[in-house]
Amino acid sequence: MLLLSLLVVLGITCGKKPEEKLMYTLFVGTYTYGDSEGIYSLQFNAETGSLDSLTLAAKLSNPSFLTISKDKQNLYAVQETSDFDSLGGGVTAFKLNEGILELQNSMATQGAGPCHVSLSGDGHLAVSNHGGGNVALFSLKNDGSIMGTPQIIDHKILDTTKTAHAHMAQFNKNELFVVDFGLDAIKRYELKEGEYVPLEQTSLPLSDNAGPRHFTFGQNGKMLYVINEQENTIVVFQKDSKGNFNTIQTINTLDSDFKDKSYCADIHLSPDGKFLYGSNRGEDTIVIFTVDSISGKLTLVGREPVRGDWPRNFTLDPTGKFLLVANEKTNNIVVFKRNEETGTLAYVDEIELPAPVCLKFRY
């Protein structure tokens, strides 16, 4: 009888699954004009939403934007400066060795103020030079380090009435989309014989002084959402049967009662594509929209104060249950719990970090 009781207890104990802790590494790009020294790492608890274990991962000048390779073996950071060399800023490759950043190499981006970096699926790295008005396209070696002699896509020659400011470039299959803040347009390119050349629909125009900044794709590339820094709007484009994108909606990001200056920054879709989020610098909020599953159009849900000043980039954690905001001027990263049914946000936690700009999870 005693043996039977012991076996029952052991069976219950063994059958109970151990409590799992979902821990992820978060890398933070910063501006180093104050107390920051470069790229930082944190540990994020996806059960509680807490951040801890703040560590300086790499010393680097103004690593304002980061990206991580799909295989999680490399991290790339811009150096948003004008004095990396005589032409402007730089981009640096790191090897990710068990979460530790090991410097591989750096290359000049051939333009001032690089502010965004992204990766293709076939070994290309795109760096957008805001001050230089161009995009540098690098090839990568097998170990992920950066090769020299990039292809340069120069937007300064596209329009002599405006000043080009390439702000973000993103690959989409064999195409490259570049949002240009100064030209008030998104330029489209495709890969042909090893180089990116203009598509037949070369440009998606936006209103004068809209100041497009970032964008994201929805519905497997059928929808395109662009956030405009100066106009404080999101413009929705839809892809037609010919492969061209057409405007179907423009919607404001600010409360109608807000009368001060504000400038949009970042934009992201929830993992299920049901909600779209954007950051407002000035109003200091995250604006929340629902996304119609058929039309792709947006409907306002509301806004959540970011508990800080000047929300730059933000991100959703790997589980999609939390949203984290980098508040540049108040030197803090704020964590919000995301209601997956309504899209709304609720404050959870925050941590101090000097001049945070870009948040990237390794998972």
Protein backbone atom coordinates (compact mmCIF):
# COMPACT_ATOMS: atom_id res chain seq x y z
CA MET A 1 0.00 0.00 0.00
CA LEU A 2 2.85 2.34 0.90
CA LEU A 3 4.59 1.49 -2.37
CA LEU A 4 1.41 2.21 -4.32
CA SER A 5 1.00 5.61 -2.63
CA LEU A 6 4.61 6.47 -3.39
CA LEU A 7 4.18 5.55 -7.04
CA VAL A 8 1.07 7.72 -7.28
CA VAL A 9 2.91 10.72 -5.82
CA LEU A 10 5.85 10.18 -8.13
CA GLY A 11 3.52 9.86 -11.10
CA ILE A 12 1.83 13.16 -10.28
CA THR A 13 5.17 14.89 -9.75
CA CYS A 14 6.71 13.54 -12.94
CA GLY A 15 3.61 14.32 -14.98
CA LYS A 16 3.63 17.97 -13.96
CA LYS A 17 5.43 20.12 -16.51
CA PRO A 18 8.10 22.42 -15.11
CA GLU A 19 7.29 26.12 -15.28
CA GLU A 20 8.95 27.59 -18.37
CA LYS A 21 10.60 31.00 -18.33
CA LEU A 22 10.58 32.81 -21.64
CA MET A 23 13.71 34.95 -21.64
CA TYR A 24 14.90 36.91 -24.67
CA THR A 25 17.88 39.16 -25.37
CA LEU A 26 17.00 42.72 -26.41
CA PHE A 27 19.63 44.87 -28.14
CA VAL A 28 19.28 48.64 -27.95
CA GLY A 29 20.76 51.14 -30.40
CA THR A 30 21.41 54.62 -28.98
CA TYR A 31 22.77 58.08 -29.64
CA THR A 32 26.14 58.61 -27.97
CA TYR A 33 26.08 62.40 -27.68
CA GLY A 34 25.50 62.09 -23.90
CA ASP A 35 26.01 59.26 -21.43
CA SER A 36 25.54 56.37 -23.84
CA GLU A 37 28.59 54.49 -25.10
CA GLY A 38 27.03 52.41 -27.88
CA ILE A 39 24.90 49.25 -28.15
CA TYR A 40 23.35 47.80 -25.00
CA SER A 41 21.74 44.46 -24.23
CA LEU A 42 18.96 43.59 -21.79
CA GLN A 43 17.16 40.44 -20.73
CA PHE A 44 13.39 40.48 -21.28
CA ASN A 45 11.04 38.22 -19.36
CA ALA A 46 8.10 37.43 -21.65
CA GLU A 47 6.06 36.11 -18.72
CA THR A 48 6.20 39.26 -16.59
CA GLY A 49 7.26 41.93 -19.11
CA SER A 50 10.23 42.95 -16.99
CA LEU A 51 13.64 44.11 -18.23
CA ASP A 52 16.94 43.63 -16.39
CA SER A 53 20.66 42.80 -16.76
CA LEU A 54 21.58 46.02 -18.57
CA THR A 55 24.98 45.52 -20.25
CA LEU A 56 27.12 47.55 -22.64
CA ALA A 57 27.37 45.11 -25.55
CA ALA A 58 29.62 47.16 -27.85
CA LYS A 59 31.17 50.61 -27.86
CA LEU A 60 30.19 52.40 -31.07
CA SER A 61 29.47 55.94 -32.23
CA ASN A 62 25.73 56.67 -32.67
CA PRO A 63 24.48 53.14 -33.42
CA SER A 64 20.99 54.53 -34.00
CA PHE A 65 19.59 51.58 -35.95
CA LEU A 66 20.22 47.85 -35.75
CA THR A 67 19.19 44.72 -37.57
CA ILE A 68 19.83 41.03 -36.89
CA SER A 69 20.29 38.31 -39.50
CA LYS A 70 17.60 35.68 -39.92
CA ASP A 71 19.89 32.94 -38.59
CA LYS A 72 20.64 35.14 -35.53
CA GLN A 73 24.38 34.87 -36.13
CA ASN A 74 25.10 38.52 -37.00
CA LEU A 75 24.06 41.98 -35.89
CA TYR A 76 24.53 45.11 -38.00
CA ALA A 77 24.56 48.69 -36.75
CA VAL A 78 24.78 52.02 -38.53
CA GLN A 79 27.09 54.72 -37.26
CA GLU A 80 24.89 57.78 -37.78
CA THR A 81 27.67 60.29 -38.23
CA SER A 82 29.11 62.50 -40.94
CA ASP A 83 32.76 61.85 -40.11
CA PHE A 84 33.34 58.10 -40.35
CA ASP A 85 35.29 59.09 -43.45
CA SER A 86 35.25 62.03 -45.87
CA LEU A 87 31.90 60.94 -47.36
CA GLY A 88 29.87 60.41 -44.20
CA GLY A 89 28.81 57.57 -41.90
CA GLY A 90 29.52 53.90 -41.45
CA VAL A 91 27.98 50.48 -40.87
CA THR A 92 29.43 47.78 -38.61
CA ALA A 93 29.02 44.00 -38.58
CA PHE A 94 29.17 41.95 -35.36
CA LYS A 95 29.19 38.19 -34.82
CA LEU A 96 26.62 37.07 -32.25
CA ASN A 97 28.38 34.51 -30.10
CA GLU A 98 25.94 33.31 -27.41
CA GLY A 99 24.52 36.82 -27.22
CA ILE A 100 27.95 38.50 -27.08
CA LEU A 101 28.84 40.96 -29.84
CA GLU A 102 32.19 40.29 -31.50
CA LEU A 103 33.35 42.97 -33.93
CA GLN A 104 33.84 41.76 -37.49
CA ASN A 105 34.36 44.86 -39.64
CA SER A 106 33.08 48.31 -40.56
CA MET A 107 32.50 49.96 -43.93
CA ALA A 108 31.83 53.52 -45.05
CA THR A 109 28.27 54.03 -46.32
CA GLN A 110 29.27 56.77 -48.80
CA GLY A 111 26.72 59.20 -47.38
CA ALA A 112 26.21 61.25 -44.23
CA GLY A 113 23.84 60.30 -41.43
CA PRO A 114 22.99 56.64 -42.09
CA CYS A 115 19.77 56.08 -40.13
CA HIS A 116 18.47 52.63 -41.15
CA VAL A 117 19.86 49.21 -42.06
CA SER A 118 18.07 46.11 -43.36
CA LEU A 119 18.85 42.68 -44.81
CA SER A 120 17.62 40.74 -47.82
CA GLY A 121 17.22 36.98 -47.93
CA ASP A 122 20.08 36.57 -50.40
CA GLY A 123 23.00 38.31 -48.74
CA HIS A 124 22.43 42.02 -49.38
CA LEU A 125 22.61 44.77 -46.76
CA ALA A 126 20.86 48.12 -47.40
CA VAL A 127 21.89 51.27 -45.55
CA SER A 128 19.83 54.46 -45.91
CA ASN A 129 21.86 57.67 -45.72
CA HIS A 130 19.54 60.44 -44.56
CA GLY A 131 22.03 63.28 -44.96
CA GLY A 132 23.62 61.79 -48.06
CA GLY A 133 20.31 61.26 -49.86
CA ASN A 134 21.34 57.81 -51.08
CA VAL A 135 21.22 54.09 -50.31
CA ALA A 136 24.30 51.86 -50.09
CA LEU A 137 23.76 48.19 -51.01
CA PHE A 138 26.47 45.86 -49.70
CA SER A 139 27.09 42.19 -50.37
CA LEU A 140 27.99 39.98 -47.40
CA LYS A 141 30.66 37.31 -46.98
CA ASN A 142 29.81 33.79 -45.80
CA ASP A 143 30.63 34.72 -42.20
CA GLY A 144 28.30 37.74 -42.39
CA SER A 145 31.01 40.38 -42.57
CA ILE A 146 30.53 43.26 -45.01
CA MET A 147 32.17 43.37 -48.44
CA GLY A 148 33.45 46.63 -49.89
CA THR A 149 32.36 48.55 -53.02
CA PRO A 150 28.60 48.84 -52.50
CA GLN A 151 26.07 49.71 -55.17
CA ILE A 152 24.96 53.29 -54.56
CA ILE A 153 21.39 54.32 -55.40
CA ASP A 154 21.53 58.11 -55.51
CA HIS A 155 18.22 59.88 -54.93
CA LYS A 156 19.74 63.36 -55.30
CA ILE A 157 19.56 63.05 -59.08
CA LEU A 158 15.86 62.09 -59.10
CA ASP A 159 14.39 65.49 -58.20
CA THR A 160 16.15 68.86 -58.41
CA THR A 161 13.27 70.74 -56.71
CA LYS A 162 13.57 68.84 -53.41
CA THR A 163 16.41 67.62 -51.18
CA ALA A 164 16.68 63.84 -51.03
CA HIS A 165 16.78 62.18 -47.60
CA ALA A 166 16.64 58.37 -47.85
CA HIS A 167 15.18 57.27 -44.53
CA MET A 168 14.40 53.55 -44.80
CA ALA A 169 15.02 50.76 -47.30
CA GLN A 170 13.34 47.38 -47.04
CA PHE A 171 13.62 44.27 -49.21
CA ASN A 172 10.46 42.48 -50.34
CA LYS A 173 11.33 39.29 -52.22
CA ASN A 174 13.38 40.51 -55.23
CA GLU A 175 12.30 44.13 -54.81
CA LEU A 176 13.65 47.02 -52.77
CA PHE A 177 11.42 49.80 -51.43
CA VAL A 178 13.06 53.05 -50.30
CA VAL A 179 11.13 55.73 -48.44
CA ASP A 180 12.58 59.20 -49.05
CA PHE A 181 11.69 61.81 -46.44
CA GLY A 182 12.84 64.71 -48.62
CA LEU A 183 11.31 63.61 -51.93
CA ASP A 184 7.94 62.75 -50.30
CA ALA A 185 7.87 59.42 -52.10
CA ILE A 186 8.65 55.73 -51.95
CA LYS A 187 10.97 54.55 -54.71
CA ARG A 188 10.76 50.98 -56.05
CA TYR A 189 13.62 48.85 -57.38
CA GLU A 190 14.08 45.24 -58.50
CA LEU A 191 17.10 42.97 -58.64
CA LYS A 192 18.35 42.31 -62.17
CA GLU A 193 21.70 40.76 -63.04
CA GLY A 194 23.09 41.47 -59.60
CA GLU A 195 22.02 45.12 -59.33
CA TYR A 196 18.89 46.93 -58.20
CA VAL A 197 17.24 48.97 -60.97
CA PRO A 198 14.00 51.02 -61.02
CA LEU A 199 10.74 49.13 -61.46
CA GLU A 200 8.13 50.15 -64.03
CA GLN A 201 6.20 51.82 -61.20
CA THR A 202 9.25 53.73 -60.08
CA SER A 203 7.65 55.91 -57.41
CA LEU A 204 4.73 56.03 -54.98
CA PRO A 205 4.05 59.74 -54.45
CA LEU A 206 2.90 61.29 -51.17
CA SER A 207 1.69 64.82 -50.50
CA ASP A 208 4.20 67.68 -50.37
CA ASN A 209 5.98 67.95 -47.02
CA ALA A 210 4.44 64.71 -45.79
CA GLY A 211 7.89 63.57 -44.71
CA PRO A 212 7.52 59.78 -45.06
CA ARG A 213 9.73 58.03 -42.52
CA HIS A 214 9.04 54.30 -42.02
CA PHE A 215 6.72 51.69 -43.54
CA THR A 216 5.56 48.12 -43.13
CA PHE A 217 3.93 45.50 -45.33
CA GLY A 218 0.70 43.65 -44.56
CA GLN A 219 -1.28 40.73 -46.01
CA ASN A 220 1.81 39.05 -47.51
CA GLY A 221 2.91 42.19 -49.33
CA LYS A 222 -0.50 43.17 -50.67
CA MET A 223 -0.78 46.16 -48.32
CA LEU A 224 1.76 48.89 -47.61
CA TYR A 225 1.47 51.24 -44.62
CA VAL A 226 3.58 54.42 -44.58
CA ILE A 227 3.91 56.75 -41.57
CA ASN A 228 4.59 60.42 -42.34
CA GLU A 229 6.72 62.35 -39.87
CA GLN A 230 5.68 65.91 -40.74
CA GLU A 231 2.08 65.36 -41.83
CA ASN A 232 1.32 63.07 -38.85
CA THR A 233 -0.57 60.63 -41.02
CA ILE A 234 -0.50 57.02 -42.12
CA VAL A 235 -1.10 56.36 -45.81
CA VAL A 236 -2.40 52.95 -46.87
CA PHE A 237 -1.42 51.55 -50.28
CA GLN A 238 -2.92 48.45 -51.89
CA LYS A 239 -1.28 46.32 -54.58
CA ASP A 240 -3.34 45.77 -57.74
CA SER A 241 -3.34 42.90 -60.24
CA LYS A 242 -0.55 44.58 -62.25
CA GLY A 243 1.74 44.81 -59.24
CA ASN A 244 1.28 48.56 -58.78
CA PHE A 245 0.49 50.15 -55.42
CA ASN A 246 -2.37 52.65 -55.15
CA THR A 247 -3.44 54.88 -52.26
CA ILE A 248 -6.71 53.79 -50.64
CA GLN A 249 -6.66 55.67 -47.32
CA THR A 250 -4.98 58.48 -45.39
CA ILE A 251 -5.62 58.69 -41.64
CA ASN A 252 -4.36 61.06 -38.93
CA THR A 253 -2.29 59.82 -36.00
CA LEU A 254 -2.91 62.73 -33.57
CA ASP A 255 -5.85 63.52 -31.33
CA SER A 256 -7.93 66.37 -32.83
CA ASP A 257 -7.55 68.28 -29.56
CA PHE A 258 -3.74 68.18 -29.68
CA LYS A 259 -2.46 71.52 -31.04
CA ASP A 260 1.28 71.42 -30.32
CA LYS A 261 4.04 70.18 -32.63
CA SER A 262 4.39 66.45 -33.09
CA TYR A 263 6.33 64.21 -35.46
CA CYS A 264 5.60 60.57 -36.29
CA ALA A 265 8.43 58.05 -36.08
CA ASP A 266 7.91 54.29 -36.23
CA ILE A 267 5.20 51.86 -37.40
CA HIS A 268 4.53 48.15 -36.78
CA LEU A 269 1.80 45.55 -37.32
CA SER A 270 0.88 43.01 -34.67
CA PRO A 271 1.97 39.44 -35.51
CA ASP A 272 -1.60 38.47 -36.45
CA GLY A 273 -1.97 41.54 -38.68
CA LYS A 274 -5.08 42.70 -36.83
CA PHE A 275 -3.62 45.87 -35.31
CA LEU A 276 -1.31 48.65 -36.49
CA TYR A 277 0.73 50.83 -34.13
CA GLY A 278 2.56 54.13 -34.70
CA SER A 279 4.65 56.45 -32.51
CA ASN A 280 4.01 60.19 -32.10
CA ARG A 281 6.93 62.33 -30.89
CA GLY A 282 5.47 65.44 -29.28
CA GLU A 283 2.06 64.08 -28.43
CA ASP A 284 4.20 61.27 -26.95
CA THR A 285 1.78 58.46 -27.63
CA ILE A 286 1.45 55.15 -29.40
CA VAL A 287 -1.55 55.36 -31.72
CA ILE A 288 -3.52 52.14 -32.22
CA PHE A 289 -5.62 51.08 -35.22
CA THR A 290 -7.55 47.97 -36.16
CA VAL A 291 -6.85 46.57 -39.62
CA ASP A 292 -9.78 45.37 -41.73
CA SER A 293 -9.02 41.78 -42.74
CA ILE A 294 -10.50 42.27 -46.23
CA SER A 295 -9.77 45.87 -47.29
CA GLY A 296 -6.68 46.45 -45.16
CA LYS A 297 -8.04 49.85 -44.13
CA LEU A 298 -7.52 51.28 -40.65
CA THR A 299 -9.95 52.26 -37.91
CA LEU A 300 -8.81 54.17 -34.83
CA VAL A 301 -8.81 52.32 -31.51
CA GLY A 302 -7.11 54.98 -29.39
CA ARG A 303 -3.78 56.25 -28.07
CA GLU A 304 -1.57 55.26 -25.16
CA PRO A 305 0.79 57.77 -23.48
CA VAL A 306 4.35 56.44 -23.58
CA ARG A 307 5.32 57.64 -20.08
CA GLY A 308 8.28 59.47 -21.54
CA ASP A 309 9.40 62.02 -24.10
CA TRP A 310 10.12 61.53 -27.80
CA PRO A 311 9.20 57.90 -28.56
CA ARG A 312 11.46 56.85 -31.41
CA ASN A 313 11.39 53.24 -32.49
CA PHE A 314 9.31 50.64 -30.70
CA THR A 315 8.91 46.91 -31.08
CA LEU A 316 6.68 43.99 -30.21
CA ASP A 317 8.30 41.17 -28.26
CA PRO A 318 8.66 37.68 -29.82
CA THR A 319 5.42 36.47 -28.20
CA GLY A 320 3.42 39.45 -29.49
CA LYS A 321 2.05 40.03 -26.00
CA PHE A 322 4.14 43.09 -25.14
CA LEU A 323 5.07 46.35 -26.84
CA LEU A 324 8.28 48.17 -25.86
CA VAL A 325 8.95 51.87 -26.54
CA ALA A 326 12.30 53.69 -26.69
CA ASN A 327 11.86 57.23 -25.30
CA GLU A 328 14.94 59.08 -26.48
CA LYS A 329 14.71 62.32 -24.47
CA THR A 330 13.70 60.81 -21.12
CA ASN A 331 16.27 58.00 -21.34
CA ASN A 332 13.86 55.16 -20.68
CA ILE A 333 12.41 52.05 -22.28
CA VAL A 334 8.79 51.41 -21.33
CA VAL A 335 7.03 48.04 -21.52
CA PHE A 336 3.29 47.73 -22.20
CA LYS A 337 1.14 44.59 -22.02
CA ARG A 338 -0.83 44.22 -25.25
CA ASN A 339 -4.45 43.06 -25.22
CA GLU A 340 -4.46 40.68 -28.17
CA GLU A 341 -8.25 40.96 -28.57
CA THR A 342 -8.61 44.76 -28.51
CA GLY A 343 -5.09 45.94 -29.37
CA THR A 344 -4.98 48.27 -26.37
CA LEU A 345 -1.90 48.75 -24.18
CA ALA A 346 -1.37 48.72 -20.40
CA TYR A 347 1.77 49.89 -18.59
CA VAL A 348 3.90 47.12 -17.06
CA ASP A 349 7.48 48.20 -16.44
CA GLU A 350 10.32 50.51 -17.48
CA ILE A 351 14.08 50.79 -17.25
CA GLU A 352 16.51 53.70 -17.57
CA LEU A 353 18.98 53.73 -20.45
CA PRO A 354 20.64 56.79 -22.06
CA ALA A 355 19.18 58.01 -25.39
CA PRO A 356 17.56 54.77 -26.59
CA VAL A 357 16.54 54.79 -30.25
CA CYS A 358 16.23 51.29 -31.75
CA LEU A 359 15.01 48.04 -30.13
CA LYS A 360 15.80 44.63 -31.66
CA PHE A 361 15.09 41.21 -30.15
CA ARG A 362 17.28 38.18 -30.83
CA TYR A 363 15.00 35.13 -31.01
